[in-house]
């Protein structure tokens, strides 16, 4: 088995690693999108709740105002946590992107190495065949001279 064929197993492993990295990247993208949608929903809910709070403020008892205010503060805390989560997911997405790029470059370089090896093997085989043909021609020429 020639070197280029043996490298095929290495290429297969590199392709699998690249596929796994691509799947992890896609999963991170989907998770980030999902969390972004949740953040937007929370922001819309907060905006609606604040609007309702402002509309009802005039005819509401102080205890209800305190309840509204308390709930808005809890919403703000949830939004802050969601923002932190989004930041972490964005960092994770960047890491997954870098990991995929690394696996992609590795697979690409292995493919290029295999192609180079094939070309070298082909050139070596061509050279060997040419040498054998030259030797055969020389032997025939020598046999003709002997006759």
Protein backbone atom coordinates (compact mmCIF):
# COMPACT_ATOMS: atom_id res chain seq x y z
CA UNK A 1 0.00 0.00 0.00
CA UNK A 2 1.41 3.34 -1.01
CA UNK A 3 1.64 6.34 1.30
CA UNK A 4 -1.24 8.22 -0.32
CA UNK A 5 -3.57 5.26 0.32
CA UNK A 6 -2.45 4.96 3.95
CA UNK A 7 -3.17 8.65 4.42
CA UNK A 8 -6.77 7.96 3.41
CA UNK A 9 -7.50 6.70 6.93
CA UNK A 10 -6.07 9.88 8.39
CA UNK A 11 -8.22 11.90 6.01
CA UNK A 12 -11.33 9.98 7.08
CA UNK A 13 -10.62 10.80 10.72
CA UNK A 14 -10.06 14.46 9.86
CA UNK A 15 -13.34 14.56 7.91
CA UNK A 16 -15.22 13.10 10.87
CA UNK A 17 -13.64 15.63 13.23
CA UNK A 18 -14.59 18.46 10.87
CA UNK A 19 -18.18 17.19 10.64
CA UNK A 20 -18.44 16.98 14.42
CA UNK A 21 -17.07 20.52 14.75
CA UNK A 22 -19.58 21.71 12.12
CA UNK A 23 -22.42 20.08 14.05
CA UNK A 24 -21.26 21.69 17.30
CA UNK A 25 -21.09 25.05 15.52
CA UNK A 26 -24.60 24.65 14.14
CA UNK A 27 -25.88 23.63 17.56
CA UNK A 28 -24.29 26.71 19.13
CA UNK A 29 -25.86 28.91 16.46
CA UNK A 30 -29.29 27.39 17.06
CA UNK A 31 -28.97 27.78 20.83
CA UNK A 32 -27.90 31.41 20.46
CA UNK A 33 -30.84 32.10 18.15
CA UNK A 34 -33.24 30.47 20.60
CA UNK A 35 -31.90 32.49 23.50
CA UNK A 36 -32.03 35.67 21.39
CA UNK A 37 -35.70 35.02 20.71
CA UNK A 38 -36.35 34.49 24.41
CA UNK A 39 -34.57 37.75 25.21
CA UNK A 40 -36.67 39.61 22.67
CA UNK A 41 -39.86 38.10 24.11
CA UNK A 42 -38.83 39.14 27.61
CA UNK A 43 -38.05 42.66 26.41
CA UNK A 44 -41.45 42.91 24.71
CA UNK A 45 -43.18 41.60 27.82
CA UNK A 46 -41.34 44.15 29.96
CA UNK A 47 -42.28 46.97 27.58
CA UNK A 48 -45.94 45.91 27.65
CA UNK A 49 -45.94 45.57 31.40
CA UNK A 50 -44.33 49.01 31.88
CA UNK A 51 -46.88 50.51 29.49
CA UNK A 52 -49.68 48.92 31.45
CA UNK A 53 -48.10 50.13 34.68
CA UNK A 54 -47.91 53.70 33.38
CA UNK A 55 -51.49 53.61 32.11
CA UNK A 56 -52.87 52.35 35.42
CA UNK A 57 -50.64 54.39 37.72
CA UNK A 58 -53.16 57.14 38.39
CA UNK A 59 -56.01 55.05 39.75
CA UNK A 60 -53.99 52.36 41.54
CA UNK A 61 -53.46 51.96 45.27
CA UNK A 62 -49.91 52.25 46.64
CA UNK A 63 -49.75 48.52 47.43
CA UNK A 64 -50.49 47.66 43.80
CA UNK A 65 -47.86 50.16 42.64
CA UNK A 66 -45.32 48.46 44.89
CA UNK A 67 -46.33 45.10 43.37
CA UNK A 68 -45.91 46.45 39.85
CA UNK A 69 -42.57 47.99 40.74
CA UNK A 70 -41.37 44.79 42.38
CA UNK A 71 -42.37 42.71 39.36
CA UNK A 72 -40.60 45.09 36.99
CA UNK A 73 -37.44 44.80 39.09
CA UNK A 74 -37.66 41.00 38.87
CA UNK A 75 -38.11 41.28 35.10
CA UNK A 76 -35.02 43.49 34.94
CA UNK A 77 -33.06 40.88 36.89
CA UNK A 78 -34.22 38.14 34.51
CA UNK A 79 -33.25 40.29 31.54
CA UNK A 80 -29.82 40.91 33.03
CA UNK A 81 -29.34 37.15 33.47
CA UNK A 82 -30.49 36.56 29.90
CA UNK A 83 -27.99 39.17 28.69
CA UNK A 84 -25.21 37.35 30.56
CA UNK A 85 -26.33 34.06 29.05
CA UNK A 86 -26.32 35.61 25.58
CA UNK A 87 -22.80 36.90 26.09
CA UNK A 88 -21.58 33.45 27.12
CA UNK A 89 -23.32 31.84 24.16
CA UNK A 90 -21.77 34.36 21.78
CA UNK A 91 -18.34 33.53 23.18
CA UNK A 92 -19.10 29.84 22.82
CA UNK A 93 -20.16 30.41 19.22
CA UNK A 94 -16.86 32.15 18.48
CA UNK A 95 -14.97 29.20 20.03
CA UNK A 96 -16.98 26.69 17.98
CA UNK A 97 -16.30 28.73 14.84
CA UNK A 98 -12.57 28.70 15.56
CA UNK A 99 -12.62 24.96 16.28
CA UNK A 100 -14.42 24.26 13.02
CA UNK A 101 -11.99 26.46 11.08
CA UNK A 102 -9.07 24.59 12.63
CA UNK A 103 -10.58 21.21 11.70
CA UNK A 104 -11.34 22.49 8.20
CA UNK A 105 -7.77 23.67 7.67
CA UNK A 106 -6.40 20.36 8.97
CA UNK A 107 -8.60 18.33 6.63
CA UNK A 108 -7.70 20.59 3.71
CA UNK A 109 -3.96 20.24 4.39
CA UNK A 110 -4.29 16.45 4.59
CA UNK A 111 -6.12 16.44 1.25
CA UNK A 112 -3.38 18.57 -0.28
CA UNK A 113 -0.71 16.26 1.16
CA UNK A 114 -2.47 13.22 -0.31
CA UNK A 115 -2.67 14.91 -3.70
CA UNK A 116 1.02 15.80 -3.54
CA UNK A 117 1.88 12.23 -2.55
CA UNK A 118 -0.18 10.87 -5.45
CA UNK A 119 1.62 13.16 -7.86
CA UNK A 120 5.00 12.09 -6.46
CA UNK A 121 4.01 8.42 -6.62
CA UNK A 122 2.77 8.85 -10.16
CA UNK A 123 6.02 10.58 -11.18
CA UNK A 124 8.08 7.86 -9.48
CA UNK A 125 6.09 5.14 -11.23
CA UNK A 126 6.46 6.93 -14.55
CA UNK A 127 10.20 7.22 -13.97
CA UNK A 128 10.43 3.53 -13.05
CA UNK A 129 8.50 2.50 -16.14
CA UNK A 130 10.68 4.68 -18.34
CA UNK A 131 13.80 3.15 -16.80
CA UNK A 132 12.48 -0.37 -17.45
CA UNK A 133 11.61 0.54 -21.03
CA UNK A 134 15.09 2.00 -21.54
CA UNK A 135 16.68 -1.16 -20.10
CA UNK A 136 14.49 -3.35 -22.28
CA UNK A 137 15.40 -1.31 -25.36
CA UNK A 138 19.08 -1.54 -24.43
CA UNK A 139 18.83 -5.32 -24.00
CA UNK A 140 17.09 -5.71 -27.36
CA UNK A 141 19.70 -3.55 -28.99
CA UNK A 142 22.48 -5.64 -27.41
CA UNK A 143 20.79 -8.91 -28.50
CA UNK A 144 20.49 -7.62 -32.07
CA UNK A 145 24.16 -6.76 -32.14
CA UNK A 146 25.01 -10.21 -30.91
CA UNK A 147 23.16 -11.84 -33.77
